[in-house]
C-alpha atoms as a PDB file:
ATOM      1  CA  MET A   1      -0.413  -0.081   0.301  1.00  0.00           C
ATOM      2  CA  LEU A   2       1.379   3.446  -0.516  1.00  0.00           C
ATOM      3  CA  GLY A   3       0.897   6.356   1.451  1.00  0.00           C
ATOM      4  CA  ILE A   4      -0.276   9.972   0.576  1.00  0.00           C
ATOM      5  CA  LEU A   5      -0.148  12.932   2.535  1.00  0.00           C
ATOM      6  CA  THR A   6      -2.642  15.549   1.953  1.00  0.00           C
ATOM      7  CA  LEU A   7      -3.112  19.172   2.501  1.00  0.00           C
ATOM      8  CA  ASP A   8      -5.873  19.968   4.709  1.00  0.00           C
ATOM      9  CA  THR A   9      -8.292  21.248   1.853  1.00  0.00           C
ATOM     10  CA  ALA A  10     -11.695  22.090   1.419  1.00  0.00           C
ATOM     11  CA  PHE A  11     -12.954  20.784  -2.349  1.00  0.00           C
ATOM     12  CA  PRO A  12     -13.845  17.447  -3.540  1.00  0.00           C
ATOM     13  CA  ARG A  13     -11.337  15.278  -4.989  1.00  0.00           C
ATOM     14  CA  LEU A  14     -12.632  14.285  -8.572  1.00  0.00           C
ATOM     15  CA  ARG A  15     -11.174  10.856 -10.071  1.00  0.00           C
ATOM     16  CA  GLY A  16      -7.887  11.752 -11.398  1.00  0.00           C
ATOM     17  CA  ASP A  17      -6.979  14.020  -8.966  1.00  0.00           C
ATOM     18  CA  VAL A  18      -3.833  12.362  -6.285  1.00  0.00           C
ATOM     19  CA  GLY A  19      -6.409  13.150  -3.417  1.00  0.00           C
ATOM     20  CA  ASN A  20      -8.629  10.652  -4.609  1.00  0.00           C
ATOM     21  CA  PRO A  21      -8.063   6.782  -4.294  1.00  0.00           C
ATOM     22  CA  ASP A  22      -9.892   5.884  -7.456  1.00  0.00           C
ATOM     23  CA  THR A  23      -7.022   7.625  -9.414  1.00  0.00           C
ATOM     24  CA  PHE A  24      -4.891   4.468  -9.304  1.00  0.00           C
ATOM     25  CA  ALA A  25      -5.023   1.067  -9.999  1.00  0.00           C
ATOM     26  CA  PHE A  26      -3.135   0.109  -6.360  1.00  0.00           C
ATOM     27  CA  PRO A  27      -4.043   0.276  -3.144  1.00  0.00           C
ATOM     28  CA  VAL A  28      -3.346   3.808  -1.542  1.00  0.00           C
ATOM     29  CA  ARG A  29      -4.187   5.240   2.307  1.00  0.00           C
ATOM     30  CA  HIS A  30      -4.368   9.227   2.352  1.00  0.00           C
ATOM     31  CA  ALA A  31      -3.986  10.857   5.545  1.00  0.00           C
ATOM     32  CA  THR A  32      -4.446  14.728   6.063  1.00  0.00           C
ATOM     33  CA  VAL A  33      -2.244  16.551   7.547  1.00  0.00           C
ATOM     34  CA  ARG A  34      -4.250  18.743  10.362  1.00  0.00           C
ATOM     35  CA  GLY A  35      -3.625  22.625   9.871  1.00  0.00           C
ATOM     36  CA  ALA A  36      -1.666  22.149   6.521  1.00  0.00           C
ATOM     37  CA  LEU A  37      -3.735  24.952   4.587  1.00  0.00           C
ATOM     38  CA  VAL A  38      -2.753  25.694   1.158  1.00  0.00           C
ATOM     39  CA  GLU A  39      -2.277  29.228   2.232  1.00  0.00           C
ATOM     40  CA  ASP A  40       0.338  28.303   4.964  1.00  0.00           C
ATOM     41  CA  VAL A  41       1.832  25.714   2.613  1.00  0.00           C
ATOM     42  CA  VAL A  42       2.139  27.366  -0.679  1.00  0.00           C
ATOM     43  CA  HIS A  43       2.031  30.968  -0.138  1.00  0.00           C
ATOM     44  CA  ARG A  44       3.002  31.612   3.629  1.00  0.00           C
ATOM     45  CA  ARG A  45       5.955  28.658   3.130  1.00  0.00           C
ATOM     46  CA  ARG A  46       5.458  27.667   6.648  1.00  0.00           C
ATOM     47  CA  ASP A  47       8.316  25.762   7.691  1.00  0.00           C
ATOM     48  CA  ALA A  48       7.239  25.231  11.023  1.00  0.00           C
ATOM     49  CA  LEU A  49       4.616  22.392   9.465  1.00  0.00           C
ATOM     50  CA  LEU A  50       7.433  19.860   8.345  1.00  0.00           C
ATOM     51  CA  PRO A  51       7.442  17.852  11.618  1.00  0.00           C
ATOM     52  CA  ALA A  52       3.477  17.552  11.238  1.00  0.00           C
ATOM     53  CA  PHE A  53       4.228  16.030   8.048  1.00  0.00           C
ATOM     54  CA  VAL A  54       6.854  13.958   9.010  1.00  0.00           C
ATOM     55  CA  ALA A  55       4.565  12.796  11.900  1.00  0.00           C
ATOM     56  CA  ALA A  56       1.863  11.881   9.592  1.00  0.00           C
ATOM     57  CA  ALA A  57       4.231  10.013   7.051  1.00  0.00           C
ATOM     58  CA  ASN A  58       5.166   7.754  10.346  1.00  0.00           C
ATOM     59  CA  GLU A  59       1.523   6.871  11.131  1.00  0.00           C
ATOM     60  CA  LEU A  60       0.940   5.769   7.517  1.00  0.00           C
ATOM     61  CA  VAL A  61       4.434   4.019   7.514  1.00  0.00           C
ATOM     62  CA  GLU A  62       3.759   2.069  10.853  1.00  0.00           C
ATOM     63  CA  GLY A  63       0.206   0.924   9.282  1.00  0.00           C
ATOM     64  CA  GLY A  64       1.815  -0.737   6.427  1.00  0.00           C
ATOM     65  CA  CYS A  65       2.732   1.532   3.783  1.00  0.00           C
ATOM     66  CA  ILE A  66       5.583   1.163   1.528  1.00  0.00           C
ATOM     67  CA  GLY A  67       6.463   4.469   0.337  1.00  0.00           C
ATOM     68  CA  ILE A  68       4.823   8.225   0.766  1.00  0.00           C
ATOM     69  CA  ALA A  69       3.932  10.347  -1.813  1.00  0.00           C
ATOM     70  CA  THR A  70       1.824  14.061  -1.498  1.00  0.00           C
ATOM     71  CA  THR A  71      -0.895  16.169  -2.930  1.00  0.00           C
ATOM     72  CA  CYS A  72       1.109  19.377  -3.426  1.00  0.00           C
ATOM     73  CA  GLY A  73       4.077  19.676  -5.800  1.00  0.00           C
ATOM     74  CA  PHE A  74       5.351  22.800  -3.802  1.00  0.00           C
ATOM     75  CA  LEU A  75       6.031  20.231  -1.061  1.00  0.00           C
ATOM     76  CA  VAL A  76       9.586  19.598  -3.211  1.00  0.00           C
ATOM     77  CA  ARG A  77      11.239  21.812  -0.896  1.00  0.00           C
ATOM     78  CA  TRP A  78      10.941  19.335   2.023  1.00  0.00           C
ATOM     79  CA  GLN A  79      11.951  16.440  -0.214  1.00  0.00           C
ATOM     80  CA  ARG A  80      15.170  15.940   1.469  1.00  0.00           C
ATOM     81  CA  GLU A  81      14.296  16.343   4.848  1.00  0.00           C
ATOM     82  CA  LEU A  82      11.150  13.958   4.735  1.00  0.00           C
ATOM     83  CA  ALA A  83      13.489  11.227   2.912  1.00  0.00           C
ATOM     84  CA  ALA A  84      15.805  11.547   5.565  1.00  0.00           C
ATOM     85  CA  GLU A  85      13.162  11.427   8.199  1.00  0.00           C
ATOM     86  CA  LEU A  86      11.364   8.817   6.664  1.00  0.00           C
ATOM     87  CA  GLU A  87      11.926   4.314   6.317  1.00  0.00           C
ATOM     88  CA  VAL A  88      10.776   4.151   3.080  1.00  0.00           C
ATOM     89  CA  PRO A  89      11.059   6.139   0.051  1.00  0.00           C
ATOM     90  CA  VAL A  90       9.514   9.351  -0.440  1.00  0.00           C
ATOM     91  CA  LEU A  91       8.099  11.133  -3.497  1.00  0.00           C
ATOM     92  CA  THR A  92       6.847  14.487  -2.756  1.00  0.00           C
ATOM     93  CA  SER A  93       6.508  15.962  -6.158  1.00  0.00           C
ATOM     94  CA  SER A  94       5.567  16.187  -9.739  1.00  0.00           C
ATOM     95  CA  LEU A  95       8.361  18.577 -10.123  1.00  0.00           C
ATOM     96  CA  LEU A  96      10.833  15.868  -9.281  1.00  0.00           C
ATOM     97  CA  GLN A  97      10.380  14.776 -12.743  1.00  0.00           C
ATOM     98  CA  VAL A  98      11.398  18.030 -14.934  1.00  0.00           C
ATOM     99  CA  PRO A  99      15.094  17.234 -15.050  1.00  0.00           C
ATOM    100  CA  LEU A 100      14.200  13.596 -16.356  1.00  0.00           C
ATOM    101  CA  VAL A 101      11.448  14.832 -18.956  1.00  0.00           C
ATOM    102  CA  GLN A 102      14.179  17.895 -19.978  1.00  0.00           C
ATOM    103  CA  ARG A 103      16.651  14.840 -21.077  1.00  0.00           C
ATOM    104  CA  CYS A 104      13.962  13.053 -22.806  1.00  0.00           C
ATOM    105  CA  LEU A 105      13.546  15.690 -25.282  1.00  0.00           C
ATOM    106  CA  PRO A 106      14.936  16.622 -28.511  1.00  0.00           C
ATOM    107  CA  ARG A 107      17.813  19.117 -29.000  1.00  0.00           C
ATOM    108  CA  HIS A 108      16.517  22.916 -28.779  1.00  0.00           C
ATOM    109  CA  ARG A 109      13.180  21.666 -27.051  1.00  0.00           C
ATOM    110  CA  ARG A 110      12.755  22.649 -23.028  1.00  0.00           C
ATOM    111  CA  VAL A 111      10.183  21.218 -20.504  1.00  0.00           C
ATOM    112  CA  GLY A 112       7.593  23.920 -19.382  1.00  0.00           C
ATOM    113  CA  ILE A 113       5.335  23.952 -15.955  1.00  0.00           C
ATOM    114  CA  VAL A 114       2.137  24.677 -15.330  1.00  0.00           C
ATOM    115  CA  THR A 115       1.501  25.337 -12.069  1.00  0.00           C
ATOM    116  CA  TYR A 116      -1.346  26.263  -9.523  1.00  0.00           C
ATOM    117  CA  SER A 117       0.617  29.305  -8.323  1.00  0.00           C
ATOM    118  CA  ALA A 118       3.637  30.866 -10.592  1.00  0.00           C
ATOM    119  CA  ALA A 119       3.990  33.319  -7.813  1.00  0.00           C
ATOM    120  CA  ASP A 120       5.551  30.871  -5.566  1.00  0.00           C
ATOM    121  CA  LEU A 121       7.365  28.727  -7.878  1.00  0.00           C
ATOM    122  CA  SER A 122      10.592  30.248  -6.749  1.00  0.00           C
ATOM    123  CA  PRO A 123      14.012  29.561  -8.411  1.00  0.00           C
ATOM    124  CA  VAL A 124      14.796  27.946  -5.122  1.00  0.00           C
ATOM    125  CA  ALA A 125      11.887  25.322  -5.493  1.00  0.00           C
ATOM    126  CA  LEU A 126      13.000  24.194  -8.921  1.00  0.00           C
ATOM    127  CA  GLU A 127      16.698  23.695  -7.762  1.00  0.00           C
ATOM    128  CA  ALA A 128      15.165  21.619  -5.108  1.00  0.00           C
ATOM    129  CA  ALA A 129      13.743  19.017  -7.851  1.00  0.00           C
ATOM    130  CA  GLY A 130      16.671  19.144  -9.414  1.00  0.00           C
ATOM    131  CA  ALA A 131      15.770  21.501 -12.252  1.00  0.00           C
ATOM    132  CA  ASP A 132      17.167  24.043 -13.814  1.00  0.00           C
ATOM    133  CA  PRO A 133      15.687  27.306 -12.200  1.00  0.00           C
ATOM    134  CA  TYR A 134      15.280  28.948 -15.405  1.00  0.00           C
ATOM    135  CA  THR A 135      12.702  26.299 -16.517  1.00  0.00           C
ATOM    136  CA  PRO A 136       9.636  28.214 -18.105  1.00  0.00           C
ATOM    137  CA  VAL A 137       6.720  28.445 -15.732  1.00  0.00           C
ATOM    138  CA  ALA A 138       3.050  29.673 -16.065  1.00  0.00           C
ATOM    139  CA  GLY A 139       0.026  29.499 -13.527  1.00  0.00           C
ATOM    140  CA  VAL A 140      -3.108  29.759 -13.745  1.00  0.00           C
ATOM    141  CA  ASP A 141      -5.006  33.145 -13.342  1.00  0.00           C
ATOM    142  CA  PRO A 142      -5.091  33.927  -9.596  1.00  0.00           C
ATOM    143  CA  ARG A 143      -8.242  35.379 -10.416  1.00  0.00           C
ATOM    144  CA  GLY A 144      -9.628  32.429 -11.997  1.00  0.00           C
ATOM    145  CA  TYR A 145     -11.702  29.704 -10.921  1.00  0.00           C
ATOM    146  CA  PHE A 146      -9.089  27.076 -10.393  1.00  0.00           C
ATOM    147  CA  PHE A 147      -6.996  29.282  -8.281  1.00  0.00           C
ATOM    148  CA  ARG A 148     -10.049  30.271  -5.936  1.00  0.00           C
ATOM    149  CA  THR A 149     -11.416  26.823  -5.933  1.00  0.00           C
ATOM    150  CA  ILE A 150      -7.896  25.442  -4.407  1.00  0.00           C
ATOM    151  CA  ARG A 151      -7.095  28.275  -2.003  1.00  0.00           C
ATOM    152  CA  HIS A 152     -10.598  29.029  -0.617  1.00  0.00           C
ATOM    153  CA  GLY A 153     -12.547  25.756  -1.113  1.00  0.00           C
ATOM    154  CA  THR A 154     -15.730  24.975  -2.256  1.00  0.00           C
ATOM    155  CA  ALA A 155     -18.499  22.355  -2.281  1.00  0.00           C
ATOM    156  CA  THR A 156     -18.504  21.085  -5.534  1.00  0.00           C
ATOM    157  CA  ILE A 157     -16.570  21.682  -8.827  1.00  0.00           C
ATOM    158  CA  ASP A 158     -17.392  22.778 -11.954  1.00  0.00           C
ATOM    159  CA  GLU A 159     -14.796  20.434 -14.062  1.00  0.00           C
ATOM    160  CA  ARG A 160     -15.128  22.562 -17.280  1.00  0.00           C
ATOM    161  CA  GLU A 161     -14.304  25.761 -15.801  1.00  0.00           C
ATOM    162  CA  MET A 162     -11.234  24.037 -14.206  1.00  0.00           C
ATOM    163  CA  SER A 163     -10.126  21.998 -17.419  1.00  0.00           C
ATOM    164  CA  LEU A 164     -10.277  25.601 -19.054  1.00  0.00           C
ATOM    165  CA  ASP A 165      -8.042  27.621 -16.710  1.00  0.00           C
ATOM    166  CA  VAL A 166      -5.249  24.819 -16.854  1.00  0.00           C
ATOM    167  CA  VAL A 167      -5.695  24.588 -20.730  1.00  0.00           C
ATOM    168  CA  ALA A 168      -5.319  29.013 -20.893  1.00  0.00           C
ATOM    169  CA  ALA A 169      -2.142  28.460 -18.786  1.00  0.00           C
ATOM    170  CA  ALA A 170      -0.779  26.038 -20.883  1.00  0.00           C
ATOM    171  CA  ARG A 171      -1.403  28.000 -23.900  1.00  0.00           C
ATOM    172  CA  ARG A 172      -0.064  30.910 -22.640  1.00  0.00           C
ATOM    173  CA  LEU A 173       2.990  28.959 -21.841  1.00  0.00           C
ATOM    174  CA  ALA A 174       3.393  27.738 -25.085  1.00  0.00           C
ATOM    175  CA  ALA A 175       3.118  31.266 -26.620  1.00  0.00           C
ATOM    176  CA  GLU A 176       5.761  32.752 -24.375  1.00  0.00           C
ATOM    177  CA  HIS A 177       8.170  29.831 -25.163  1.00  0.00           C
ATOM    178  CA  ARG A 178       8.094  28.525 -28.665  1.00  0.00           C
ATOM    179  CA  ASP A 179      10.682  26.129 -28.150  1.00  0.00           C
ATOM    180  CA  LEU A 180       8.427  24.197 -25.674  1.00  0.00           C
ATOM    181  CA  GLY A 181       8.883  20.352 -26.145  1.00  0.00           C
ATOM    182  CA  ALA A 182       6.872  18.857 -23.063  1.00  0.00           C
ATOM    183  CA  ILE A 183       5.007  20.041 -20.318  1.00  0.00           C
ATOM    184  CA  VAL A 184       5.073  18.874 -16.503  1.00  0.00           C
ATOM    185  CA  LEU A 185       1.630  19.717 -14.397  1.00  0.00           C
ATOM    186  CA  GLU A 186       2.893  20.708 -10.854  1.00  0.00           C
ATOM    187  CA  CYS A 187      -0.457  20.446  -9.160  1.00  0.00           C
ATOM    188  CA  ALA A 188      -1.580  17.102  -7.923  1.00  0.00           C
ATOM    189  CA  ASN A 189      -4.951  18.807  -8.705  1.00  0.00           C
ATOM    190  CA  MET A 190      -4.336  18.760 -12.228  1.00  0.00           C
ATOM    191  CA  PRO A 191      -4.224  15.366 -13.942  1.00  0.00           C
ATOM    192  CA  PRO A 192      -7.889  15.043 -14.778  1.00  0.00           C
ATOM    193  CA  TYR A 193      -6.989  17.842 -16.938  1.00  0.00           C
ATOM    194  CA  ARG A 194      -4.110  16.343 -18.441  1.00  0.00           C
ATOM    195  CA  GLN A 195      -5.612  15.192 -21.884  1.00  0.00           C
ATOM    196  CA  ALA A 196      -7.342  18.750 -22.266  1.00  0.00           C
ATOM    197  CA  VAL A 197      -3.856  20.058 -22.405  1.00  0.00           C
ATOM    198  CA  GLU A 198      -2.536  17.378 -24.497  1.00  0.00           C
ATOM    199  CA  LEU A 199      -5.559  18.079 -27.287  1.00  0.00           C
ATOM    200  CA  ALA A 200      -4.743  21.432 -26.886  1.00  0.00           C
ATOM    201  CA  LEU A 201      -1.164  21.923 -27.486  1.00  0.00           C
ATOM    202  CA  GLU A 202      -0.218  18.624 -28.735  1.00  0.00           C
ATOM    203  CA  LEU A 203       2.497  18.008 -26.809  1.00  0.00           C
ATOM    204  CA  PRO A 204       3.627  15.386 -24.356  1.00  0.00           C
ATOM    205  CA  VAL A 205       2.324  16.385 -20.853  1.00  0.00           C
ATOM    206  CA  PHE A 206       3.132  14.828 -17.750  1.00  0.00           C
ATOM    207  CA  ASP A 207       1.486  14.927 -14.122  1.00  0.00           C
ATOM    208  CA  ALA A 208       1.699  13.845 -10.530  1.00  0.00           C
ATOM    209  CA  ALA A 209      -0.509  10.637 -10.966  1.00  0.00           C
ATOM    210  CA  GLN A 210       1.397   9.155 -13.765  1.00  0.00           C
ATOM    211  CA  LEU A 211       4.680   9.983 -11.601  1.00  0.00           C
ATOM    212  CA  ILE A 212       3.117   8.190  -8.689  1.00  0.00           C
ATOM    213  CA  GLY A 213       2.410   5.240 -10.713  1.00  0.00           C
ATOM    214  CA  TRP A 214       5.883   4.871 -11.741  1.00  0.00           C
ATOM    215  CA  PHE A 215       6.898   5.338  -8.103  1.00  0.00           C
ATOM    216  CA  HIS A 216       4.668   2.754  -7.028  1.00  0.00           C
ATOM    217  CA  ALA A 217       5.685   0.181  -9.951  1.00  0.00           C
ATOM    218  CA  GLY A 218       9.539   0.627  -8.828  1.00  0.00           C
ATOM    219  CA  ILE A 219       8.565  -0.223  -4.621  1.00  0.00           C
ATOM    220  CA  ALA A 220       5.594  -2.539  -5.091  1.00  0.00           C
ATOM    221  CA  GLY A 221       7.533  -5.579  -4.431  1.00  0.00           C
ATOM    222  CA  SER A 222       9.523  -4.349  -1.674  1.00  0.00           C
ATOM    223  CA  ARG A 223       8.767  -4.725   2.270  1.00  0.00           C
ATOM    224  CA  PRO A 224       6.510  -2.569   4.267  1.00  0.00           C
ATOM    225  CA  ARG A 225       9.006  -1.431   6.561  1.00  0.00           C
ATOM    226  CA  TYR A 226      12.780  -1.706   6.571  1.00  0.00           C
ATOM    227  CA  SER A 227      15.514  -0.148   8.667  1.00  0.00           C
ATOM    228  CA  ARG A 228      18.220   2.075   7.244  1.00  0.00           C
ATOM    229  CA  HIS A 229      20.786  -0.372   8.507  1.00  0.00           C
ATOM    230  CA  LYS A 230      19.531  -3.430   6.649  1.00  0.00           C
ATOM    231  CA  LEU A 231      20.210  -1.070   3.122  1.00  0.00           C
ATOM    232  CA  TRP A 232      23.696  -1.739   3.703  1.00  0.00           C
END
């Protein structure tokens, strides 16, 4: 079973969203980190929340989870810290695949990122993912439906409006960077709209759900827990 840490959010998780267990063809267990609001994790970057993530992840591991993933791409800034604290592999963010996608592209083509918040996706976060800090980035409109839904919550979700906002950000990214060769969707709430982006831009698109599937495939045969001394 794979453990997935979720932020303390107030919107429905559609199938395809990393926060929905039906997204995956393998068993997952979600744990909400209480008090880890989008406002604090993404916009205020409250590092004081790290111990709460470690504690929630350890509970999942104690419950038999063989690896830990998360539902927020911005948690990449704690990739090293979480991996150092836990006894199972950790995958914090879709952004971790940016360097790999870049290496796969033809010459003179670049990977770009579509994110929930371009204003908060700093060069430091990109470097934490092992990505070029100058990787092209476009965020959804901070006045738009997608952004407001994620930041403030909602009882229901209009899938069409969410999709339109993600596609609009991707179109803007492609218009500003004519050498774009592929797109990585940072936000773990964006996988339901990946196909719409592919159809609109006719470019390869990579998301968090795909990456978590790859991650699980690699660790699926491992034991539920292992101690560090057993690795040597």
